[in-house]
Every structure is written in structure tokens, then in C-alpha cells.
Amino acid sequence: MFEIGKRYQFNMVSYDPTGPGGTQTFNAIISEVHLPLIKIQKMDGPEIINTQSSYFISAELSKYQ
């Protein structure tokens, strides 16, 4: 499903405690896969995403490799 070292486009639910939420889209490189958890590298550092959580919408291979 996910390939280490590849860039993916993620679509996530965005939560704002002061107002309505929305969706967030960003590109990140996969560095580790231990499903349902994946570790990604973003510009502001690493992050772990649970692909079975309610805030995860989708991820697809990015056209920007």
C-alpha cells in the first residue's frame, strides 16, 4: 500500500478549537510503515499518522516525486 521513500499527497481532517474545521492537504515522504501507523517526513519535521483514525481521509502517490 505505502512505499518507503515515496512522496504521497495526504488529505486529513483539520481541527480548529476556535472555529469550524475543514480539510488539510499536504505532501510528505514515507519513512516507516508499521500499519496502521506510518511515519512521514514533512518540512517541519517527522510525524506519525494512524491510517485507521477518523482524521485520516486518504493518501495517494504524489505527482511530485
PDB file of N, CA and C in Angstrom:
ATOM      1  N   MET A   1       0.823  -1.188   0.000  1.00  0.00           N
ATOM      2  CA  MET A   1       0.000   0.000   0.000  1.00  0.00           C
ATOM      3  C   MET A   1       0.870   1.256   0.000  1.00  0.00           C
ATOM      4  N   PHE A   2       1.750   1.414   0.984  1.00  0.00           N
ATOM      5  CA  PHE A   2       2.656   2.561   1.040  1.00  0.00           C
ATOM      6  C   PHE A   2       4.078   2.099   0.755  1.00  0.00           C
ATOM      7  N   GLU A   3       4.824   2.913   0.015  1.00  0.00           N
ATOM      8  CA  GLU A   3       6.217   2.605  -0.296  1.00  0.00           C
ATOM      9  C   GLU A   3       7.130   3.588   0.420  1.00  0.00           C
ATOM     10  N   ILE A   4       8.113   3.050   1.138  1.00  0.00           N
ATOM     11  CA  ILE A   4       9.083   3.888   1.840  1.00  0.00           C
ATOM     12  C   ILE A   4       9.897   4.674   0.816  1.00  0.00           C
ATOM     13  N   GLY A   5      10.123   5.939   1.107  1.00  0.00           N
ATOM     14  CA  GLY A   5      10.905   6.807   0.236  1.00  0.00           C
ATOM     15  C   GLY A   5      10.100   7.511  -0.840  1.00  0.00           C
ATOM     16  N   LYS A   6       8.834   7.179  -0.972  1.00  0.00           N
ATOM     17  CA  LYS A   6       7.971   7.819  -1.969  1.00  0.00           C
ATOM     18  C   LYS A   6       7.196   8.968  -1.332  1.00  0.00           C
ATOM     19  N   ARG A   7       6.879   9.963  -2.156  1.00  0.00           N
ATOM     20  CA  ARG A   7       6.110  11.126  -1.699  1.00  0.00           C
ATOM     21  C   ARG A   7       4.625  10.871  -1.970  1.00  0.00           C
ATOM     22  N   TYR A   8       3.800  11.131  -0.962  1.00  0.00           N
ATOM     23  CA  TYR A   8       2.360  10.952  -1.060  1.00  0.00           C
ATOM     24  C   TYR A   8       1.651  12.264  -0.769  1.00  0.00           C
ATOM     25  N   GLN A   9       0.479  12.412  -1.350  1.00  0.00           N
ATOM     26  CA  GLN A   9      -0.389  13.544  -1.023  1.00  0.00           C
ATOM     27  C   GLN A   9      -1.411  13.043  -0.010  1.00  0.00           C
ATOM     28  N   PHE A  10      -1.445  13.680   1.161  1.00  0.00           N
ATOM     29  CA  PHE A  10      -2.341  13.291   2.244  1.00  0.00           C
ATOM     30  C   PHE A  10      -3.512  14.258   2.327  1.00  0.00           C
ATOM     31  N   ASN A  11      -4.679  13.718   2.596  1.00  0.00           N
ATOM     32  CA  ASN A  11      -5.883  14.503   2.852  1.00  0.00           C
ATOM     33  C   ASN A  11      -6.350  14.145   4.255  1.00  0.00           C
ATOM     34  N   MET A  12      -6.362  15.134   5.139  1.00  0.00           N
ATOM     35  CA  MET A  12      -6.676  14.903   6.546  1.00  0.00           C
ATOM     36  C   MET A  12      -7.754  15.885   6.996  1.00  0.00           C
ATOM     37  N   VAL A  13      -8.468  15.506   8.050  1.00  0.00           N
ATOM     38  CA  VAL A  13      -9.411  16.420   8.684  1.00  0.00           C
ATOM     39  C   VAL A  13      -8.595  17.419   9.489  1.00  0.00           C
ATOM     40  N   SER A  14      -8.904  18.683   9.346  1.00  0.00           N
ATOM     41  CA  SER A  14      -8.217  19.748  10.072  1.00  0.00           C
ATOM     42  C   SER A  14      -9.102  20.199  11.224  1.00  0.00           C
ATOM     43  N   TYR A  15      -8.556  20.203  12.427  1.00  0.00           N
ATOM     44  CA  TYR A  15      -9.326  20.588  13.615  1.00  0.00           C
ATOM     45  C   TYR A  15      -8.880  21.952  14.097  1.00  0.00           C
ATOM     46  N   ASP A  16      -9.845  22.826  14.334  1.00  0.00           N
ATOM     47  CA  ASP A  16      -9.561  24.157  14.871  1.00  0.00           C
ATOM     48  C   ASP A  16     -10.434  24.358  16.103  1.00  0.00           C
ATOM     49  N   PRO A  17      -9.843  24.401  17.310  1.00  0.00           N
ATOM     50  CA  PRO A  17     -10.650  24.523  18.523  1.00  0.00           C
ATOM     51  C   PRO A  17     -11.411  25.847  18.622  1.00  0.00           C
ATOM     52  N   THR A  18     -11.040  26.848  17.833  1.00  0.00           N
ATOM     53  CA  THR A  18     -11.710  28.150  17.913  1.00  0.00           C
ATOM     54  C   THR A  18     -12.789  28.334  16.853  1.00  0.00           C
ATOM     55  N   GLY A  19     -12.941  27.374  15.973  1.00  0.00           N
ATOM     56  CA  GLY A  19     -13.930  27.541  14.913  1.00  0.00           C
ATOM     57  C   GLY A  19     -14.136  26.253  14.147  1.00  0.00           C
ATOM     58  N   PRO A  20     -14.776  26.361  12.999  1.00  0.00           N
ATOM     59  CA  PRO A  20     -15.056  25.159  12.221  1.00  0.00           C
ATOM     60  C   PRO A  20     -13.779  24.563  11.631  1.00  0.00           C
ATOM     61  N   GLY A  21     -13.769  23.267  11.551  1.00  0.00           N
ATOM     62  CA  GLY A  21     -12.634  22.575  10.943  1.00  0.00           C
ATOM     63  C   GLY A  21     -12.803  22.509   9.440  1.00  0.00           C
ATOM     64  N   GLY A  22     -11.988  21.742   8.813  1.00  0.00           N
ATOM     65  CA  GLY A  22     -12.051  21.582   7.372  1.00  0.00           C
ATOM     66  C   GLY A  22     -11.156  20.431   6.978  1.00  0.00           C
ATOM     67  N   THR A  23     -10.571  20.517   5.812  1.00  0.00           N
ATOM     68  CA  THR A  23      -9.621  19.501   5.383  1.00  0.00           C
ATOM     69  C   THR A  23      -8.272  20.143   5.124  1.00  0.00           C
ATOM     70  N   GLN A  24      -7.251  19.336   5.262  1.00  0.00           N
ATOM     71  CA  GLN A  24      -5.876  19.786   5.055  1.00  0.00           C
ATOM     72  C   GLN A  24      -5.246  18.840   4.042  1.00  0.00           C
ATOM     73  N   THR A  25      -4.578  19.379   3.048  1.00  0.00           N
ATOM     74  CA  THR A  25      -3.877  18.581   2.048  1.00  0.00           C
ATOM     75  C   THR A  25      -2.412  18.969   2.067  1.00  0.00           C
ATOM     76  N   PHE A  26      -1.530  17.954   2.109  1.00  0.00           N
ATOM     77  CA  PHE A  26      -0.094  18.224   2.111  1.00  0.00           C
ATOM     78  C   PHE A  26       0.649  17.041   1.511  1.00  0.00           C
ATOM     79  N   ASN A  27       1.874  17.285   1.078  1.00  0.00           N
ATOM     80  CA  ASN A  27       2.746  16.240   0.555  1.00  0.00           C
ATOM     81  C   ASN A  27       3.789  15.896   1.600  1.00  0.00           C
ATOM     82  N   ALA A  28       4.114  14.605   1.706  1.00  0.00           N
ATOM     83  CA  ALA A  28       5.129  14.156   2.649  1.00  0.00           C
ATOM     84  C   ALA A  28       5.722  12.848   2.148  1.00  0.00           C
ATOM     85  N   ILE A  29       6.943  12.576   2.569  1.00  0.00           N
ATOM     86  CA  ILE A  29       7.641  11.352   2.189  1.00  0.00           C
ATOM     87  C   ILE A  29       7.482  10.321   3.300  1.00  0.00           C
ATOM     88  N   ILE A  30       7.161   9.083   2.925  1.00  0.00           N
ATOM     89  CA  ILE A  30       7.017   7.989   3.885  1.00  0.00           C
ATOM     90  C   ILE A  30       8.408   7.525   4.309  1.00  0.00           C
ATOM     91  N   SER A  31       8.648   7.450   5.627  1.00  0.00           N
ATOM     92  CA  SER A  31       9.947   6.976   6.105  1.00  0.00           C
ATOM     93  C   SER A  31       9.856   5.626   6.815  1.00  0.00           C
ATOM     94  N   GLU A  32       8.702   5.289   7.378  1.00  0.00           N
ATOM     95  CA  GLU A  32       8.496   3.983   8.018  1.00  0.00           C
ATOM     96  C   GLU A  32       7.046   3.573   7.853  1.00  0.00           C
ATOM     97  N   VAL A  33       6.815   2.256   7.743  1.00  0.00           N
ATOM     98  CA  VAL A  33       5.457   1.732   7.645  1.00  0.00           C
ATOM     99  C   VAL A  33       5.302   0.587   8.639  1.00  0.00           C
ATOM    100  N   HIS A  34       4.393   0.742   9.572  1.00  0.00           N
ATOM    101  CA  HIS A  34       4.009  -0.292  10.536  1.00  0.00           C
ATOM    102  C   HIS A  34       2.492  -0.180  10.677  1.00  0.00           C
ATOM    103  N   LEU A  35       1.789  -0.604   9.611  1.00  0.00           N
ATOM    104  CA  LEU A  35       0.339  -0.384   9.545  1.00  0.00           C
ATOM    105  C   LEU A  35      -0.365  -0.829  10.810  1.00  0.00           C
ATOM    106  N   PRO A  36      -1.287  -0.017  11.307  1.00  0.00           N
ATOM    107  CA  PRO A  36      -1.906   1.136  10.666  1.00  0.00           C
ATOM    108  C   PRO A  36      -1.112   2.435  10.816  1.00  0.00           C
ATOM    109  N   LEU A  37       0.074   2.386  11.440  1.00  0.00           N
ATOM    110  CA  LEU A  37       0.857   3.610  11.631  1.00  0.00           C
ATOM    111  C   LEU A  37       1.870   3.792  10.511  1.00  0.00           C
ATOM    112  N   ILE A  38       2.035   5.039  10.074  1.00  0.00           N
ATOM    113  CA  ILE A  38       3.092   5.376   9.126  1.00  0.00           C
ATOM    114  C   ILE A  38       3.817   6.610   9.651  1.00  0.00           C
ATOM    115  N   LYS A  39       5.110   6.647   9.422  1.00  0.00           N
ATOM    116  CA  LYS A  39       5.911   7.807   9.813  1.00  0.00           C
ATOM    117  C   LYS A  39       6.245   8.569   8.546  1.00  0.00           C
ATOM    118  N   ILE A  40       5.986   9.882   8.577  1.00  0.00           N
ATOM    119  CA  ILE A  40       6.240  10.716   7.407  1.00  0.00           C
ATOM    120  C   ILE A  40       7.236  11.811   7.759  1.00  0.00           C
ATOM    121  N   GLN A  41       7.882  12.329   6.730  1.00  0.00           N
ATOM    122  CA  GLN A  41       8.796  13.458   6.875  1.00  0.00           C
ATOM    123  C   GLN A  41       8.170  14.656   6.177  1.00  0.00           C
ATOM    124  N   LYS A  42       7.829  15.676   6.979  1.00  0.00           N
ATOM    125  CA  LYS A  42       7.294  16.925   6.446  1.00  0.00           C
ATOM    126  C   LYS A  42       8.376  17.990   6.547  1.00  0.00           C
ATOM    127  N   MET A  43       8.111  19.147   5.977  1.00  0.00           N
ATOM    128  CA  MET A  43       9.082  20.244   6.025  1.00  0.00           C
ATOM    129  C   MET A  43       9.392  20.660   7.457  1.00  0.00           C
ATOM    130  N   ASP A  44       8.404  20.553   8.346  1.00  0.00           N
ATOM    131  CA  ASP A  44       8.609  20.963   9.739  1.00  0.00           C
ATOM    132  C   ASP A  44       8.998  19.803  10.652  1.00  0.00           C
ATOM    133  N   GLY A  45       9.354  18.652  10.080  1.00  0.00           N
ATOM    134  CA  GLY A  45       9.835  17.529  10.874  1.00  0.00           C
ATOM    135  C   GLY A  45       8.992  16.273  10.691  1.00  0.00           C
ATOM    136  N   PRO A  46       9.352  15.208  11.425  1.00  0.00           N
ATOM    137  CA  PRO A  46       8.637  13.940  11.286  1.00  0.00           C
ATOM    138  C   PRO A  46       7.274  13.973  11.985  1.00  0.00           C
ATOM    139  N   GLU A  47       6.395  13.098  11.534  1.00  0.00           N
ATOM    140  CA  GLU A  47       5.060  12.982  12.122  1.00  0.00           C
ATOM    141  C   GLU A  47       4.595  11.542  11.951  1.00  0.00           C
ATOM    142  N   ILE A  48       3.836  11.045  12.910  1.00  0.00           N
ATOM    143  CA  ILE A  48       3.261   9.706  12.811  1.00  0.00           C
ATOM    144  C   ILE A  48       1.770   9.853  12.557  1.00  0.00           C
ATOM    145  N   ILE A  49       1.278   9.089  11.582  1.00  0.00           N
ATOM    146  CA  ILE A  49      -0.134   9.138  11.214  1.00  0.00           C
ATOM    147  C   ILE A  49      -0.739   7.756  11.409  1.00  0.00           C
ATOM    148  N   ASN A  50      -1.899   7.721  12.048  1.00  0.00           N
ATOM    149  CA  ASN A  50      -2.665   6.489  12.191  1.00  0.00           C
ATOM    150  C   ASN A  50      -3.677   6.450  11.048  1.00  0.00           C
ATOM    151  N   THR A  51      -3.487   5.526  10.116  1.00  0.00           N
ATOM    152  CA  THR A  51      -4.346   5.470   8.931  1.00  0.00           C
ATOM    153  C   THR A  51      -5.743   4.935   9.239  1.00  0.00           C
ATOM    154  N   GLN A  52      -5.970   4.470  10.468  1.00  0.00           N
ATOM    155  CA  GLN A  52      -7.305   3.994  10.849  1.00  0.00           C
ATOM    156  C   GLN A  52      -8.057   5.006  11.713  1.00  0.00           C
ATOM    157  N   SER A  53      -7.466   6.163  11.946  1.00  0.00           N
ATOM    158  CA  SER A  53      -8.134   7.169  12.780  1.00  0.00           C
ATOM    159  C   SER A  53      -9.174   7.936  11.967  1.00  0.00           C
ATOM    160  N   SER A  54     -10.061   8.601  12.669  1.00  0.00           N
ATOM    161  CA  SER A  54     -11.141   9.330  11.999  1.00  0.00           C
ATOM    162  C   SER A  54     -10.651  10.586  11.278  1.00  0.00           C
ATOM    163  N   TYR A  55      -9.461  11.093  11.589  1.00  0.00           N
ATOM    164  CA  TYR A  55      -8.972  12.302  10.918  1.00  0.00           C
ATOM    165  C   TYR A  55      -8.253  12.003   9.602  1.00  0.00           C
ATOM    166  N   PHE A  56      -7.934  10.730   9.348  1.00  0.00           N
ATOM    167  CA  PHE A  56      -7.278  10.334   8.101  1.00  0.00           C
ATOM    168  C   PHE A  56      -8.340  10.131   7.026  1.00  0.00           C
ATOM    169  N   ILE A  57      -8.215  10.872   5.913  1.00  0.00           N
ATOM    170  CA  ILE A  57      -9.174  10.729   4.816  1.00  0.00           C
ATOM    171  C   ILE A  57      -8.596   9.833   3.725  1.00  0.00           C
ATOM    172  N   SER A  58      -7.431  10.218   3.175  1.00  0.00           N
ATOM    173  CA  SER A  58      -6.833   9.429   2.102  1.00  0.00           C
ATOM    174  C   SER A  58      -5.377   9.825   1.896  1.00  0.00           C
ATOM    175  N   ALA A  59      -4.672   8.976   1.164  1.00  0.00           N
ATOM    176  CA  ALA A  59      -3.305   9.269   0.740  1.00  0.00           C
ATOM    177  C   ALA A  59      -3.096   8.605  -0.613  1.00  0.00           C
ATOM    178  N   GLU A  60      -2.507   9.346  -1.523  1.00  0.00           N
ATOM    179  CA  GLU A  60      -2.221   8.791  -2.846  1.00  0.00           C
ATOM    180  C   GLU A  60      -0.834   9.235  -3.272  1.00  0.00           C
ATOM    181  N   LEU A  61      -0.222   8.442  -4.121  1.00  0.00           N
ATOM    182  CA  LEU A  61       1.110   8.757  -4.615  1.00  0.00           C
ATOM    183  C   LEU A  61       1.095  10.141  -5.258  1.00  0.00           C
ATOM    184  N   SER A  62       2.017  10.981  -4.843  1.00  0.00           N
ATOM    185  CA  SER A  62       2.067  12.355  -5.341  1.00  0.00           C
ATOM    186  C   SER A  62       2.661  12.401  -6.743  1.00  0.00           C
ATOM    187  N   LYS A  63       2.201  13.346  -7.531  1.00  0.00           N
ATOM    188  CA  LYS A  63       2.793  13.534  -8.857  1.00  0.00           C
ATOM    189  C   LYS A  63       4.139  14.240  -8.756  1.00  0.00           C
ATOM    190  N   TYR A  64       4.459  14.774  -7.564  1.00  0.00           N
ATOM    191  CA  TYR A  64       5.733  15.458  -7.328  1.00  0.00           C
ATOM    192  C   TYR A  64       6.701  14.507  -6.638  1.00  0.00           C
ATOM    193  N   GLN A  65       7.448  13.749  -7.384  1.00  0.00           N
ATOM    194  CA  GLN A  65       8.418  12.818  -6.824  1.00  0.00           C
ATOM    195  C   GLN A  65       9.788  13.441  -6.932  1.00  0.00           C
TER     196      GLN A  65
END
